[in-house]
Amino acid sequence: MLIAAAATLLLLFYLMVDPSESGCVPQCIFLKMTGLQCPGCGAQRMVHAVLHGDLVEAWSYNPFLLIMLPLLIFMGWLELRRDRYPRLYAGFHSVPVIIVLASAVVVWFLLRNFIL
């Protein structure tokens, strides 16, 4: 229950505060130190755009996370219900799934910084 309340407050914050214009949201330390965008760069602005229904703008900030958003939401929901759906939970938290997701993040990092 506490996690749901915290997530709701965070979403309300991003609904009301535009990270592009506000100085009160953290900036990416990795980007500042290396000049490279981490796989999550643009996530705050993407969430703000999604909450305002602007999927085109959200895509411009971080298309990978926008595509992965339904899976991330499902996995968060599954985490809260792991006792109720233990086989499904185990399937999504298996080594092969973790390797595929980690590989996708690495590929996105490489594409974003060196190809696109």
PDB file of N, CA and C in Angstrom:
ATOM      1  N   MET A   1       0.817  -1.193   0.000  1.00  0.00           N
ATOM      2  CA  MET A   1       0.000   0.000   0.000  1.00  0.00           C
ATOM      3  C   MET A   1       0.866   1.263   0.000  1.00  0.00           C
ATOM      4  N   LEU A   2       1.947   1.207   0.740  1.00  0.00           N
ATOM      5  CA  LEU A   2       2.852   2.348   0.812  1.00  0.00           C
ATOM      6  C   LEU A   2       3.508   2.614  -0.547  1.00  0.00           C
ATOM      7  N   ILE A   3       3.853   1.546  -1.251  1.00  0.00           N
ATOM      8  CA  ILE A   3       4.468   1.678  -2.575  1.00  0.00           C
ATOM      9  C   ILE A   3       3.498   2.326  -3.555  1.00  0.00           C
ATOM     10  N   ALA A   4       2.242   1.902  -3.504  1.00  0.00           N
ATOM     11  CA  ALA A   4       1.223   2.480  -4.392  1.00  0.00           C
ATOM     12  C   ALA A   4       1.020   3.958  -4.091  1.00  0.00           C
ATOM     13  N   ALA A   5       1.021   4.320  -2.827  1.00  0.00           N
ATOM     14  CA  ALA A   5       0.857   5.727  -2.443  1.00  0.00           C
ATOM     15  C   ALA A   5       2.048   6.557  -2.929  1.00  0.00           C
ATOM     16  N   ALA A   6       3.248   6.024  -2.762  1.00  0.00           N
ATOM     17  CA  ALA A   6       4.453   6.740  -3.210  1.00  0.00           C
ATOM     18  C   ALA A   6       4.454   6.896  -4.730  1.00  0.00           C
ATOM     19  N   ALA A   7       4.065   5.842  -5.437  1.00  0.00           N
ATOM     20  CA  ALA A   7       4.009   5.903  -6.904  1.00  0.00           C
ATOM     21  C   ALA A   7       2.975   6.927  -7.356  1.00  0.00           C
ATOM     22  N   THR A   8       1.834   6.959  -6.684  1.00  0.00           N
ATOM     23  CA  THR A   8       0.789   7.935  -7.022  1.00  0.00           C
ATOM     24  C   THR A   8       1.277   9.363  -6.804  1.00  0.00           C
ATOM     25  N   LEU A   9       1.947   9.603  -5.679  1.00  0.00           N
ATOM     26  CA  LEU A   9       2.483  10.942  -5.415  1.00  0.00           C
ATOM     27  C   LEU A   9       3.527  11.334  -6.459  1.00  0.00           C
ATOM     28  N   LEU A  10       4.363  10.387  -6.838  1.00  0.00           N
ATOM     29  CA  LEU A  10       5.385  10.663  -7.849  1.00  0.00           C
ATOM     30  C   LEU A  10       4.745  10.996  -9.195  1.00  0.00           C
ATOM     31  N   LEU A  11       3.720  10.248  -9.566  1.00  0.00           N
ATOM     32  CA  LEU A  11       3.021  10.526 -10.824  1.00  0.00           C
ATOM     33  C   LEU A  11       2.327  11.885 -10.776  1.00  0.00           C
ATOM     34  N   LEU A  12       1.735  12.222  -9.643  1.00  0.00           N
ATOM     35  CA  LEU A  12       1.111  13.544  -9.503  1.00  0.00           C
ATOM     36  C   LEU A  12       2.151  14.656  -9.630  1.00  0.00           C
ATOM     37  N   PHE A  13       3.319  14.424  -9.060  1.00  0.00           N
ATOM     38  CA  PHE A  13       4.404  15.403  -9.177  1.00  0.00           C
ATOM     39  C   PHE A  13       4.765  15.623 -10.648  1.00  0.00           C
ATOM     40  N   TYR A  14       4.953  14.517 -11.386  1.00  0.00           N
ATOM     41  CA  TYR A  14       5.322  14.650 -12.796  1.00  0.00           C
ATOM     42  C   TYR A  14       4.178  15.143 -13.661  1.00  0.00           C
ATOM     43  N   LEU A  15       2.964  14.991 -13.206  1.00  0.00           N
ATOM     44  CA  LEU A  15       1.822  15.573 -13.914  1.00  0.00           C
ATOM     45  C   LEU A  15       1.846  17.088 -13.800  1.00  0.00           C
ATOM     46  N   MET A  16       2.218  17.576 -12.621  1.00  0.00           N
ATOM     47  CA  MET A  16       2.179  19.018 -12.365  1.00  0.00           C
ATOM     48  C   MET A  16       3.475  19.743 -12.727  1.00  0.00           C
ATOM     49  N   VAL A  17       4.609  19.055 -12.650  1.00  0.00           N
ATOM     50  CA  VAL A  17       5.908  19.704 -12.859  1.00  0.00           C
ATOM     51  C   VAL A  17       6.508  19.232 -14.171  1.00  0.00           C
ATOM     52  N   ASP A  18       6.851  20.180 -15.039  1.00  0.00           N
ATOM     53  CA  ASP A  18       7.507  19.856 -16.303  1.00  0.00           C
ATOM     54  C   ASP A  18       9.018  19.819 -16.072  1.00  0.00           C
ATOM     55  N   PRO A  19       9.635  18.635 -16.142  1.00  0.00           N
ATOM     56  CA  PRO A  19      11.076  18.530 -15.907  1.00  0.00           C
ATOM     57  C   PRO A  19      11.916  19.356 -16.872  1.00  0.00           C
ATOM     58  N   SER A  20      11.366  19.681 -18.040  1.00  0.00           N
ATOM     59  CA  SER A  20      12.105  20.501 -19.006  1.00  0.00           C
ATOM     60  C   SER A  20      12.275  21.932 -18.521  1.00  0.00           C
ATOM     61  N   GLU A  21      11.354  22.379 -17.708  1.00  0.00           N
ATOM     62  CA  GLU A  21      11.350  23.780 -17.288  1.00  0.00           C
ATOM     63  C   GLU A  21      11.657  23.980 -15.812  1.00  0.00           C
ATOM     64  N   SER A  22      11.631  22.914 -15.038  1.00  0.00           N
ATOM     65  CA  SER A  22      11.800  23.027 -13.595  1.00  0.00           C
ATOM     66  C   SER A  22      13.229  22.700 -13.193  1.00  0.00           C
ATOM     67  N   GLY A  23      13.717  23.430 -12.221  1.00  0.00           N
ATOM     68  CA  GLY A  23      15.045  23.157 -11.688  1.00  0.00           C
ATOM     69  C   GLY A  23      15.009  22.237 -10.482  1.00  0.00           C
ATOM     70  N   CYS A  24      13.826  21.766 -10.101  1.00  0.00           N
ATOM     71  CA  CYS A  24      13.721  20.959  -8.884  1.00  0.00           C
ATOM     72  C   CYS A  24      13.771  19.458  -9.145  1.00  0.00           C
ATOM     73  N   VAL A  25      14.020  19.041 -10.374  1.00  0.00           N
ATOM     74  CA  VAL A  25      14.150  17.612 -10.666  1.00  0.00           C
ATOM     75  C   VAL A  25      15.624  17.302 -10.933  1.00  0.00           C
ATOM     76  N   PRO A  26      16.064  16.125 -10.522  1.00  0.00           N
ATOM     77  CA  PRO A  26      17.484  15.795 -10.712  1.00  0.00           C
ATOM     78  C   PRO A  26      17.840  15.613 -12.190  1.00  0.00           C
ATOM     79  N   GLN A  27      19.065  15.983 -12.505  1.00  0.00           N
ATOM     80  CA  GLN A  27      19.573  15.790 -13.866  1.00  0.00           C
ATOM     81  C   GLN A  27      20.519  14.590 -13.867  1.00  0.00           C
ATOM     82  N   CYS A  28      20.724  14.035 -15.033  1.00  0.00           N
ATOM     83  CA  CYS A  28      21.528  12.822 -15.168  1.00  0.00           C
ATOM     84  C   CYS A  28      23.013  13.108 -14.914  1.00  0.00           C
ATOM     85  N   ILE A  29      23.541  12.494 -13.880  1.00  0.00           N
ATOM     86  CA  ILE A  29      24.956  12.666 -13.541  1.00  0.00           C
ATOM     87  C   ILE A  29      25.835  12.003 -14.607  1.00  0.00           C
ATOM     88  N   PHE A  30      25.394  10.850 -15.111  1.00  0.00           N
ATOM     89  CA  PHE A  30      26.158  10.145 -16.144  1.00  0.00           C
ATOM     90  C   PHE A  30      26.327  11.033 -17.378  1.00  0.00           C
ATOM     91  N   LEU A  31      25.255  11.698 -17.796  1.00  0.00           N
ATOM     92  CA  LEU A  31      25.315  12.595 -18.950  1.00  0.00           C
ATOM     93  C   LEU A  31      26.263  13.754 -18.688  1.00  0.00           C
ATOM     94  N   LYS A  32      26.179  14.332 -17.501  1.00  0.00           N
ATOM     95  CA  LYS A  32      27.052  15.459 -17.169  1.00  0.00           C
ATOM     96  C   LYS A  32      28.524  15.055 -17.131  1.00  0.00           C
ATOM     97  N   MET A  33      28.785  13.836 -16.662  1.00  0.00           N
ATOM     98  CA  MET A  33      30.179  13.405 -16.516  1.00  0.00           C
ATOM     99  C   MET A  33      30.786  12.895 -17.819  1.00  0.00           C
ATOM    100  N   THR A  34      29.972  12.254 -18.668  1.00  0.00           N
ATOM    101  CA  THR A  34      30.531  11.607 -19.858  1.00  0.00           C
ATOM    102  C   THR A  34      30.104  12.245 -21.173  1.00  0.00           C
ATOM    103  N   GLY A  35      29.004  12.982 -21.154  1.00  0.00           N
ATOM    104  CA  GLY A  35      28.462  13.512 -22.395  1.00  0.00           C
ATOM    105  C   GLY A  35      27.623  12.493 -23.148  1.00  0.00           C
ATOM    106  N   LEU A  36      27.508  11.276 -22.596  1.00  0.00           N
ATOM    107  CA  LEU A  36      26.701  10.218 -23.202  1.00  0.00           C
ATOM    108  C   LEU A  36      25.369  10.116 -22.472  1.00  0.00           C
ATOM    109  N   GLN A  37      24.336   9.779 -23.220  1.00  0.00           N
ATOM    110  CA  GLN A  37      23.026   9.603 -22.610  1.00  0.00           C
ATOM    111  C   GLN A  37      22.911   8.190 -22.058  1.00  0.00           C
ATOM    112  N   CYS A  38      22.517   8.092 -20.801  1.00  0.00           N
ATOM    113  CA  CYS A  38      22.285   6.762 -20.226  1.00  0.00           C
ATOM    114  C   CYS A  38      20.969   6.217 -20.801  1.00  0.00           C
ATOM    115  N   PRO A  39      20.685   4.937 -20.622  1.00  0.00           N
ATOM    116  CA  PRO A  39      19.434   4.386 -21.168  1.00  0.00           C
ATOM    117  C   PRO A  39      18.179   5.061 -20.628  1.00  0.00           C
ATOM    118  N   GLY A  40      18.276   5.686 -19.455  1.00  0.00           N
ATOM    119  CA  GLY A  40      17.110   6.332 -18.858  1.00  0.00           C
ATOM    120  C   GLY A  40      17.011   7.824 -19.111  1.00  0.00           C
ATOM    121  N   CYS A  41      17.997   8.406 -19.783  1.00  0.00           N
ATOM    122  CA  CYS A  41      17.944   9.851 -20.049  1.00  0.00           C
ATOM    123  C   CYS A  41      16.645  10.198 -20.783  1.00  0.00           C
ATOM    124  N   GLY A  42      15.983  11.213 -20.299  1.00  0.00           N
ATOM    125  CA  GLY A  42      14.725  11.652 -20.892  1.00  0.00           C
ATOM    126  C   GLY A  42      13.511  11.007 -20.263  1.00  0.00           C
ATOM    127  N   ALA A  43      13.729  10.105 -19.295  1.00  0.00           N
ATOM    128  CA  ALA A  43      12.608   9.381 -18.694  1.00  0.00           C
ATOM    129  C   ALA A  43      11.646  10.315 -17.964  1.00  0.00           C
ATOM    130  N   GLN A  44      12.176  11.288 -17.250  1.00  0.00           N
ATOM    131  CA  GLN A  44      11.300  12.205 -16.513  1.00  0.00           C
ATOM    132  C   GLN A  44      10.434  13.015 -17.470  1.00  0.00           C
ATOM    133  N   ARG A  45      11.044  13.524 -18.520  1.00  0.00           N
ATOM    134  CA  ARG A  45      10.287  14.300 -19.511  1.00  0.00           C
ATOM    135  C   ARG A  45       9.306  13.399 -20.258  1.00  0.00           C
ATOM    136  N   MET A  46       9.707  12.139 -20.502  1.00  0.00           N
ATOM    137  CA  MET A  46       8.818  11.196 -21.166  1.00  0.00           C
ATOM    138  C   MET A  46       7.589  10.917 -20.305  1.00  0.00           C
ATOM    139  N   VAL A  47       7.787  10.696 -19.020  1.00  0.00           N
ATOM    140  CA  VAL A  47       6.664  10.434 -18.118  1.00  0.00           C
ATOM    141  C   VAL A  47       5.725  11.631 -18.087  1.00  0.00           C
ATOM    142  N   HIS A  48       6.291  12.823 -18.015  1.00  0.00           N
ATOM    143  CA  HIS A  48       5.467  14.042 -18.025  1.00  0.00           C
ATOM    144  C   HIS A  48       4.626  14.112 -19.307  1.00  0.00           C
ATOM    145  N   ALA A  49       5.246  13.834 -20.433  1.00  0.00           N
ATOM    146  CA  ALA A  49       4.518  13.874 -21.710  1.00  0.00           C
ATOM    147  C   ALA A  49       3.439  12.794 -21.774  1.00  0.00           C
ATOM    148  N   VAL A  50       3.733  11.591 -21.305  1.00  0.00           N
ATOM    149  CA  VAL A  50       2.744  10.509 -21.302  1.00  0.00           C
ATOM    150  C   VAL A  50       1.556  10.893 -20.428  1.00  0.00           C
ATOM    151  N   LEU A  51       1.829  11.454 -19.269  1.00  0.00           N
ATOM    152  CA  LEU A  51       0.743  11.840 -18.360  1.00  0.00           C
ATOM    153  C   LEU A  51      -0.136  12.938 -18.958  1.00  0.00           C
ATOM    154  N   HIS A  52       0.415  13.685 -19.892  1.00  0.00           N
ATOM    155  CA  HIS A  52      -0.363  14.726 -20.580  1.00  0.00           C
ATOM    156  C   HIS A  52      -0.913  14.228 -21.916  1.00  0.00           C
ATOM    157  N   GLY A  53      -0.715  12.937 -22.203  1.00  0.00           N
ATOM    158  CA  GLY A  53      -1.282  12.337 -23.398  1.00  0.00           C
ATOM    159  C   GLY A  53      -0.536  12.644 -24.682  1.00  0.00           C
ATOM    160  N   ASP A  54       0.666  13.163 -24.589  1.00  0.00           N
ATOM    161  CA  ASP A  54       1.440  13.523 -25.770  1.00  0.00           C
ATOM    162  C   ASP A  54       2.477  12.435 -26.066  1.00  0.00           C
ATOM    163  N   LEU A  55       2.054  11.405 -26.777  1.00  0.00           N
ATOM    164  CA  LEU A  55       2.941  10.277 -27.051  1.00  0.00           C
ATOM    165  C   LEU A  55       4.035  10.619 -28.063  1.00  0.00           C
ATOM    166  N   VAL A  56       3.773  11.557 -28.953  1.00  0.00           N
ATOM    167  CA  VAL A  56       4.798  11.966 -29.918  1.00  0.00           C
ATOM    168  C   VAL A  56       5.960  12.640 -29.188  1.00  0.00           C
ATOM    169  N   GLU A  57       5.644  13.525 -28.268  1.00  0.00           N
ATOM    170  CA  GLU A  57       6.693  14.179 -27.482  1.00  0.00           C
ATOM    171  C   GLU A  57       7.403  13.161 -26.592  1.00  0.00           C
ATOM    172  N   ALA A  58       6.634  12.254 -25.992  1.00  0.00           N
ATOM    173  CA  ALA A  58       7.225  11.214 -25.144  1.00  0.00           C
ATOM    174  C   ALA A  58       8.217  10.375 -25.951  1.00  0.00           C
ATOM    175  N   TRP A  59       7.846  10.048 -27.190  1.00  0.00           N
ATOM    176  CA  TRP A  59       8.724   9.277 -28.074  1.00  0.00           C
ATOM    177  C   TRP A  59      10.035  10.030 -28.322  1.00  0.00           C
ATOM    178  N   SER A  60       9.958  11.328 -28.464  1.00  0.00           N
ATOM    179  CA  SER A  60      11.167  12.107 -28.749  1.00  0.00           C
ATOM    180  C   SER A  60      12.139  12.115 -27.568  1.00  0.00           C
ATOM    181  N   TYR A  61      11.646  11.929 -26.362  1.00  0.00           N
ATOM    182  CA  TYR A  61      12.513  11.946 -25.180  1.00  0.00           C
ATOM    183  C   TYR A  61      13.187  10.597 -24.934  1.00  0.00           C
ATOM    184  N   ASN A  62      12.422   9.507 -25.049  1.00  0.00           N
ATOM    185  CA  ASN A  62      13.012   8.192 -24.818  1.00  0.00           C
ATOM    186  C   ASN A  62      12.103   7.109 -25.404  1.00  0.00           C
ATOM    187  N   PRO A  63      12.277   6.796 -26.680  1.00  0.00           N
ATOM    188  CA  PRO A  63      11.402   5.801 -27.313  1.00  0.00           C
ATOM    189  C   PRO A  63      11.520   4.407 -26.703  1.00  0.00           C
ATOM    190  N   PHE A  64      12.701   4.040 -26.264  1.00  0.00           N
ATOM    191  CA  PHE A  64      12.885   2.714 -25.672  1.00  0.00           C
ATOM    192  C   PHE A  64      12.016   2.553 -24.425  1.00  0.00           C
ATOM    193  N   LEU A  65      12.080   3.524 -23.527  1.00  0.00           N
ATOM    194  CA  LEU A  65      11.272   3.433 -22.313  1.00  0.00           C
ATOM    195  C   LEU A  65       9.787   3.521 -22.609  1.00  0.00           C
ATOM    196  N   LEU A  66       9.423   4.281 -23.615  1.00  0.00           N
ATOM    197  CA  LEU A  66       8.013   4.370 -23.984  1.00  0.00           C
ATOM    198  C   LEU A  66       7.506   3.007 -24.455  1.00  0.00           C
ATOM    199  N   ILE A  67       8.316   2.319 -25.244  1.00  0.00           N
ATOM    200  CA  ILE A  67       7.948   0.980 -25.709  1.00  0.00           C
ATOM    201  C   ILE A  67       7.911  -0.002 -24.540  1.00  0.00           C
ATOM    202  N   MET A  68       8.840   0.146 -23.619  1.00  0.00           N
ATOM    203  CA  MET A  68       8.944  -0.781 -22.493  1.00  0.00           C
ATOM    204  C   MET A  68       7.955  -0.474 -21.365  1.00  0.00           C
ATOM    205  N   LEU A  69       7.305   0.675 -21.408  1.00  0.00           N
ATOM    206  CA  LEU A  69       6.424   1.107 -20.319  1.00  0.00           C
ATOM    207  C   LEU A  69       5.343   0.082 -19.963  1.00  0.00           C
ATOM    208  N   PRO A  70       4.618  -0.490 -20.925  1.00  0.00           N
ATOM    209  CA  PRO A  70       3.622  -1.501 -20.542  1.00  0.00           C
ATOM    210  C   PRO A  70       4.237  -2.702 -19.810  1.00  0.00           C
ATOM    211  N   LEU A  71       5.402  -3.151 -20.264  1.00  0.00           N
ATOM    212  CA  LEU A  71       6.069  -4.266 -19.601  1.00  0.00           C
ATOM    213  C   LEU A  71       6.500  -3.879 -18.190  1.00  0.00           C
ATOM    214  N   LEU A  72       7.044  -2.679 -18.035  1.00  0.00           N
ATOM    215  CA  LEU A  72       7.471  -2.221 -16.714  1.00  0.00           C
ATOM    216  C   LEU A  72       6.291  -2.098 -15.756  1.00  0.00           C
ATOM    217  N   ILE A  73       5.179  -1.593 -16.249  1.00  0.00           N
ATOM    218  CA  ILE A  73       3.980  -1.490 -15.411  1.00  0.00           C
ATOM    219  C   ILE A  73       3.501  -2.880 -15.017  1.00  0.00           C
ATOM    220  N   PHE A  74       3.463  -3.793 -15.989  1.00  0.00           N
ATOM    221  CA  PHE A  74       3.047  -5.168 -15.696  1.00  0.00           C
ATOM    222  C   PHE A  74       3.971  -5.817 -14.678  1.00  0.00           C
ATOM    223  N   MET A  75       5.279  -5.635 -14.840  1.00  0.00           N
ATOM    224  CA  MET A  75       6.223  -6.248 -13.911  1.00  0.00           C
ATOM    225  C   MET A  75       6.108  -5.633 -12.519  1.00  0.00           C
ATOM    226  N   GLY A  76       5.803  -4.350 -12.441  1.00  0.00           N
ATOM    227  CA  GLY A  76       5.554  -3.724 -11.139  1.00  0.00           C
ATOM    228  C   GLY A  76       4.309  -4.295 -10.482  1.00  0.00           C
ATOM    229  N   TRP A  77       3.261  -4.457 -11.271  1.00  0.00           N
ATOM    230  CA  TRP A  77       2.025  -5.054 -10.765  1.00  0.00           C
ATOM    231  C   TRP A  77       2.290  -6.485 -10.296  1.00  0.00           C
ATOM    232  N   LEU A  78       3.048  -7.225 -11.098  1.00  0.00           N
ATOM    233  CA  LEU A  78       3.365  -8.608 -10.767  1.00  0.00           C
ATOM    234  C   LEU A  78       4.205  -8.690  -9.494  1.00  0.00           C
ATOM    235  N   GLU A  79       5.094  -7.739  -9.304  1.00  0.00           N
ATOM    236  CA  GLU A  79       5.911  -7.704  -8.088  1.00  0.00           C
ATOM    237  C   GLU A  79       5.023  -7.590  -6.848  1.00  0.00           C
ATOM    238  N   LEU A  80       3.985  -6.781  -6.946  1.00  0.00           N
ATOM    239  CA  LEU A  80       3.073  -6.611  -5.809  1.00  0.00           C
ATOM    240  C   LEU A  80       2.198  -7.840  -5.578  1.00  0.00           C
ATOM    241  N   ARG A  81       2.072  -8.700  -6.590  1.00  0.00           N
ATOM    242  CA  ARG A  81       1.213  -9.885  -6.480  1.00  0.00           C
ATOM    243  C   ARG A  81       1.987 -11.192  -6.656  1.00  0.00           C
ATOM    244  N   ARG A  82       3.253 -11.161  -6.329  1.00  0.00           N
ATOM    245  CA  ARG A  82       4.097 -12.346  -6.546  1.00  0.00           C
ATOM    246  C   ARG A  82       3.638 -13.556  -5.741  1.00  0.00           C
ATOM    247  N   ASP A  83       3.010 -13.344  -4.578  1.00  0.00           N
ATOM    248  CA  ASP A  83       2.518 -14.477  -3.793  1.00  0.00           C
ATOM    249  C   ASP A  83       1.275 -15.099  -4.423  1.00  0.00           C
ATOM    250  N   ARG A  84       0.521 -14.299  -5.134  1.00  0.00           N
ATOM    251  CA  ARG A  84      -0.701 -14.791  -5.762  1.00  0.00           C
ATOM    252  C   ARG A  84      -0.410 -15.516  -7.087  1.00  0.00           C
ATOM    253  N   TYR A  85       0.622 -15.056  -7.814  1.00  0.00           N
ATOM    254  CA  TYR A  85       0.982 -15.637  -9.113  1.00  0.00           C
ATOM    255  C   TYR A  85       2.456 -16.062  -9.108  1.00  0.00           C
ATOM    256  N   PRO A  86       2.819 -17.035  -8.285  1.00  0.00           N
ATOM    257  CA  PRO A  86       4.243 -17.376  -8.147  1.00  0.00           C
ATOM    258  C   PRO A  86       4.884 -17.928  -9.417  1.00  0.00           C
ATOM    259  N   ARG A  87       4.156 -18.699 -10.206  1.00  0.00           N
ATOM    260  CA  ARG A  87       4.746 -19.249 -11.443  1.00  0.00           C
ATOM    261  C   ARG A  87       4.974 -18.154 -12.476  1.00  0.00           C
ATOM    262  N   LEU A  88       4.020 -17.256 -12.610  1.00  0.00           N
ATOM    263  CA  LEU A  88       4.173 -16.136 -13.540  1.00  0.00           C
ATOM    264  C   LEU A  88       5.320 -15.235 -13.091  1.00  0.00           C
ATOM    265  N   TYR A  89       5.381 -14.969 -11.793  1.00  0.00           N
ATOM    266  CA  TYR A  89       6.466 -14.158 -11.232  1.00  0.00           C
ATOM    267  C   TYR A  89       7.820 -14.798 -11.520  1.00  0.00           C
ATOM    268  N   ALA A  90       7.915 -16.093 -11.272  1.00  0.00           N
ATOM    269  CA  ALA A  90       9.180 -16.799 -11.508  1.00  0.00           C
ATOM    270  C   ALA A  90       9.565 -16.758 -12.983  1.00  0.00           C
ATOM    271  N   GLY A  91       8.580 -16.845 -13.857  1.00  0.00           N
ATOM    272  CA  GLY A  91       8.868 -16.787 -15.288  1.00  0.00           C
ATOM    273  C   GLY A  91       9.428 -15.445 -15.720  1.00  0.00           C
ATOM    274  N   PHE A  92       8.858 -14.367 -15.177  1.00  0.00           N
ATOM    275  CA  PHE A  92       9.327 -13.035 -15.552  1.00  0.00           C
ATOM    276  C   PHE A  92      10.601 -12.628 -14.825  1.00  0.00           C
ATOM    277  N   HIS A  93      10.951 -13.345 -13.789  1.00  0.00           N
ATOM    278  CA  HIS A  93      12.181 -13.054 -13.056  1.00  0.00           C
ATOM    279  C   HIS A  93      13.198 -14.171 -13.226  1.00  0.00           C
ATOM    280  N   SER A  94      13.145 -14.819 -14.366  1.00  0.00           N
ATOM    281  CA  SER A  94      14.088 -15.893 -14.671  1.00  0.00           C
ATOM    282  C   SER A  94      15.345 -15.318 -15.315  1.00  0.00           C
ATOM    283  N   VAL A  95      16.384 -16.090 -15.292  1.00  0.00           N
ATOM    284  CA  VAL A  95      17.666 -15.658 -15.869  1.00  0.00           C
ATOM    285  C   VAL A  95      17.530 -15.304 -17.349  1.00  0.00           C
ATOM    286  N   PRO A  96      16.861 -16.113 -18.183  1.00  0.00           N
ATOM    287  CA  PRO A  96      16.749 -15.742 -19.596  1.00  0.00           C
ATOM    288  C   PRO A  96      16.045 -14.396 -19.819  1.00  0.00           C
ATOM    289  N   VAL A  97      14.990 -14.130 -19.069  1.00  0.00           N
ATOM    290  CA  VAL A  97      14.278 -12.853 -19.221  1.00  0.00           C
ATOM    291  C   VAL A  97      15.175 -11.695 -18.785  1.00  0.00           C
ATOM    292  N   ILE A  98      15.879 -11.867 -17.698  1.00  0.00           N
ATOM    293  CA  ILE A  98      16.783 -10.819 -17.215  1.00  0.00           C
ATOM    294  C   ILE A  98      17.889 -10.557 -18.234  1.00  0.00           C
ATOM    295  N   ILE A  99      18.429 -11.605 -18.835  1.00  0.00           N
ATOM    296  CA  ILE A  99      19.480 -11.442 -19.851  1.00  0.00           C
ATOM    297  C   ILE A  99      18.940 -10.699 -21.073  1.00  0.00           C
ATOM    298  N   VAL A 100      17.739 -11.054 -21.517  1.00  0.00           N
ATOM    299  CA  VAL A 100      17.138 -10.377 -22.677  1.00  0.00           C
ATOM    300  C   VAL A 100      16.908  -8.900 -22.370  1.00  0.00           C
ATOM    301  N   LEU A 101      16.350  -8.602 -21.207  1.00  0.00           N
ATOM    302  CA  LEU A 101      16.084  -7.199 -20.858  1.00  0.00           C
ATOM    303  C   LEU A 101      17.380  -6.399 -20.693  1.00  0.00           C
ATOM    304  N   ALA A 102      18.367  -6.990 -20.037  1.00  0.00           N
ATOM    305  CA  ALA A 102      19.655  -6.308 -19.875  1.00  0.00           C
ATOM    306  C   ALA A 102      20.327  -6.083 -21.226  1.00  0.00           C
ATOM    307  N   SER A 103      20.227  -7.053 -22.114  1.00  0.00           N
ATOM    308  CA  SER A 103      20.794  -6.908 -23.456  1.00  0.00           C
ATOM    309  C   SER A 103      20.083  -5.797 -24.226  1.00  0.00           C
ATOM    310  N   ALA A 104      18.771  -5.714 -24.084  1.00  0.00           N
ATOM    311  CA  ALA A 104      18.013  -4.661 -24.759  1.00  0.00           C
ATOM    312  C   ALA A 104      18.442  -3.282 -24.263  1.00  0.00           C
ATOM    313  N   VAL A 105      18.701  -3.165 -22.971  1.00  0.00           N
ATOM    314  CA  VAL A 105      19.161  -1.886 -22.415  1.00  0.00           C
ATOM    315  C   VAL A 105      20.531  -1.518 -22.977  1.00  0.00           C
ATOM    316  N   VAL A 106      21.417  -2.485 -23.064  1.00  0.00           N
ATOM    317  CA  VAL A 106      22.760  -2.224 -23.607  1.00  0.00           C
ATOM    318  C   VAL A 106      22.672  -1.834 -25.079  1.00  0.00           C
ATOM    319  N   VAL A 107      21.858  -2.537 -25.840  1.00  0.00           N
ATOM    320  CA  VAL A 107      21.693  -2.208 -27.262  1.00  0.00           C
ATOM    321  C   VAL A 107      21.122  -0.799 -27.405  1.00  0.00           C
ATOM    322  N   TRP A 108      20.139  -0.446 -26.587  1.00  0.00           N
ATOM    323  CA  TRP A 108      19.571   0.907 -26.636  1.00  0.00           C
ATOM    324  C   TRP A 108      20.645   1.951 -26.323  1.00  0.00           C
ATOM    325  N   PHE A 109      21.466   1.701 -25.307  1.00  0.00           N
ATOM    326  CA  PHE A 109      22.534   2.625 -24.953  1.00  0.00           C
ATOM    327  C   PHE A 109      23.475   2.832 -26.139  1.00  0.00           C
ATOM    328  N   LEU A 110      23.864   1.747 -26.784  1.00  0.00           N
ATOM    329  CA  LEU A 110      24.784   1.835 -27.918  1.00  0.00           C
ATOM    330  C   LEU A 110      24.132   2.543 -29.106  1.00  0.00           C
ATOM    331  N   LEU A 111      22.900   2.179 -29.435  1.00  0.00           N
ATOM    332  CA  LEU A 111      22.191   2.814 -30.538  1.00  0.00           C
ATOM    333  C   LEU A 111      22.044   4.309 -30.299  1.00  0.00           C
ATOM    334  N   ARG A 112      21.611   4.652 -29.121  1.00  0.00           N
ATOM    335  CA  ARG A 112      21.312   6.048 -28.787  1.00  0.00           C
ATOM    336  C   ARG A 112      22.550   6.924 -28.854  1.00  0.00           C
ATOM    337  N   ASN A 113      23.688   6.390 -28.450  1.00  0.00           N
ATOM    338  CA  ASN A 113      24.899   7.223 -28.351  1.00  0.00           C
ATOM    339  C   ASN A 113      25.834   7.128 -29.545  1.00  0.00           C
ATOM    340  N   PHE A 114      25.777   6.026 -30.283  1.00  0.00           N
ATOM    341  CA  PHE A 114      26.786   5.852 -31.326  1.00  0.00           C
ATOM    342  C   PHE A 114      26.228   5.647 -32.727  1.00  0.00           C
ATOM    343  N   ILE A 115      24.919   5.399 -32.861  1.00  0.00           N
ATOM    344  CA  ILE A 115      24.379   5.134 -34.185  1.00  0.00           C
ATOM    345  C   ILE A 115      23.309   6.144 -34.577  1.00  0.00           C
ATOM    346  N   LEU A 116      22.375   6.414 -33.689  1.00  0.00           N
ATOM    347  CA  LEU A 116      21.264   7.321 -34.009  1.00  0.00           C
ATOM    348  C   LEU A 116      21.646   8.772 -33.932  1.00  0.00           C
TER     349      LEU A 116
END
